[in-house]
Amino acid sequence: MRLITAALLAVPVIAPAMVPAWQFEYWPWLPLTLAAPVMTHAARPFHRAAFTNARHNASTMDTLISVGVSAAFLWSQWALFFGTAGTPGMTPPLRADDRPR
């Protein structure tokens, strides 16, 4: 059930990022909203296993997944709240050549 939930929420998170025509004025806030349940609910077994392993001074692949998911989610929040990703109408460049100079 966690996999189905994560997969269903992942499609509307990925689609606007891949198709610029689907990006609306405040579109970066939609992925944040839809990624939060994936971060908390779908990844809960990995976070629980990582916490258990940390108490025993061990690490497993669960630790790597938990740290990676947490880092990506927290970086996205940082970029939205303190960076330019949350600017209304912001669209990422399609290529490196398209960056403003």
Protein backbone atom coordinates (compact mmCIF):
# COMPACT_ATOMS: atom_id res chain seq x y z
CA MET A 1 0.00 0.00 0.00
CA ARG A 2 2.90 2.36 0.74
CA LEU A 3 4.36 1.71 -2.70
CA ILE A 4 1.05 2.44 -4.43
CA THR A 5 0.63 5.65 -2.43
CA ALA A 6 4.15 6.78 -3.26
CA ALA A 7 3.74 5.93 -6.95
CA LEU A 8 0.42 7.76 -7.24
CA LEU A 9 1.85 10.87 -5.59
CA ALA A 10 5.08 10.72 -7.61
CA VAL A 11 3.42 11.16 -11.01
CA PRO A 12 2.02 14.66 -10.34
CA VAL A 13 5.32 15.60 -8.68
CA ILE A 14 7.46 14.58 -11.66
CA ALA A 15 5.14 15.52 -14.55
CA PRO A 16 5.22 19.35 -14.21
CA ALA A 17 8.99 19.26 -13.83
CA MET A 18 9.31 17.32 -17.09
CA VAL A 19 6.71 19.22 -19.15
CA PRO A 20 7.23 22.99 -18.94
CA ALA A 21 3.79 23.64 -20.47
CA TRP A 22 2.19 22.19 -17.32
CA GLN A 23 3.97 24.60 -15.00
CA PHE A 24 1.68 27.24 -13.54
CA GLU A 25 2.57 30.28 -11.45
CA TYR A 26 2.99 28.58 -8.06
CA TRP A 27 3.74 25.07 -9.34
CA PRO A 28 6.84 24.39 -7.12
CA TRP A 29 4.57 24.28 -4.06
CA LEU A 30 2.58 21.33 -5.47
CA PRO A 31 5.54 18.91 -5.38
CA LEU A 32 6.31 19.96 -1.81
CA THR A 33 2.74 19.21 -0.78
CA LEU A 34 2.64 15.86 -2.56
CA ALA A 35 6.13 14.79 -1.52
CA ALA A 36 5.47 15.27 2.20
CA PRO A 37 3.33 12.09 2.53
CA VAL A 38 5.95 10.15 0.59
CA MET A 39 8.65 11.44 2.93
CA THR A 40 6.68 10.62 6.07
CA HIS A 41 4.35 7.70 5.29
CA ALA A 42 5.95 5.79 2.44
CA ALA A 43 9.50 6.08 3.76
CA ARG A 44 8.57 5.34 7.39
CA PRO A 45 9.97 1.76 7.39
CA PHE A 46 13.34 3.06 6.16
CA HIS A 47 13.41 5.84 8.78
CA ARG A 48 12.44 3.40 11.52
CA ALA A 49 15.15 0.90 10.50
CA ALA A 50 17.76 3.67 10.22
CA PHE A 51 16.88 4.96 13.70
CA THR A 52 17.05 1.44 15.15
CA ASN A 53 20.41 0.82 13.50
CA ALA A 54 21.75 4.17 14.71
CA ARG A 55 20.93 3.20 18.30
CA HIS A 56 23.11 0.11 17.80
CA ASN A 57 25.93 2.04 16.09
CA ALA A 58 25.27 0.29 12.79
CA SER A 59 24.17 1.32 9.35
CA THR A 60 22.51 -0.54 6.52
CA MET A 61 21.05 0.31 3.15
CA ASP A 62 17.98 1.55 5.05
CA THR A 63 20.19 4.23 6.59
CA LEU A 64 21.40 5.34 3.19
CA ILE A 65 17.85 5.55 1.83
CA SER A 66 16.59 7.42 4.90
CA VAL A 67 19.42 9.95 4.79
CA GLY A 68 19.01 10.43 1.03
CA VAL A 69 15.25 10.93 1.19
CA SER A 70 15.57 13.29 4.15
CA ALA A 71 18.36 15.32 2.54
CA ALA A 72 16.48 15.71 -0.74
CA PHE A 73 13.27 16.74 1.02
CA LEU A 74 15.02 19.22 3.32
CA TRP A 75 17.02 20.72 0.44
CA SER A 76 13.81 21.19 -1.54
CA GLN A 77 12.25 22.99 1.39
CA TRP A 78 15.33 25.19 1.77
CA ALA A 79 15.25 26.08 -1.94
CA LEU A 80 11.54 26.92 -1.79
CA PHE A 81 11.54 28.97 1.39
CA PHE A 82 14.97 30.65 1.24
CA GLY A 83 16.06 30.30 -2.40
CA THR A 84 14.57 31.31 -5.70
CA ALA A 85 12.60 28.10 -6.31
CA GLY A 86 9.52 29.53 -4.60
CA THR A 87 9.46 32.70 -6.66
CA PRO A 88 6.10 33.03 -8.45
CA GLY A 89 6.43 32.15 -12.12
CA MET A 90 9.85 30.53 -11.67
CA THR A 91 10.59 27.93 -14.33
CA PRO A 92 13.85 26.01 -14.41
CA PRO A 93 16.01 26.27 -17.53
CA LEU A 94 15.70 23.39 -19.96
CA ARG A 95 19.41 23.32 -20.76
CA ALA A 96 22.53 24.72 -19.18
CA ASP A 97 22.76 27.17 -22.11
CA ASP A 98 19.35 28.67 -21.19
CA ARG A 99 20.53 30.05 -17.84
CA PRO A 100 20.28 33.82 -17.45
CA ARG A 101 23.61 35.57 -17.73
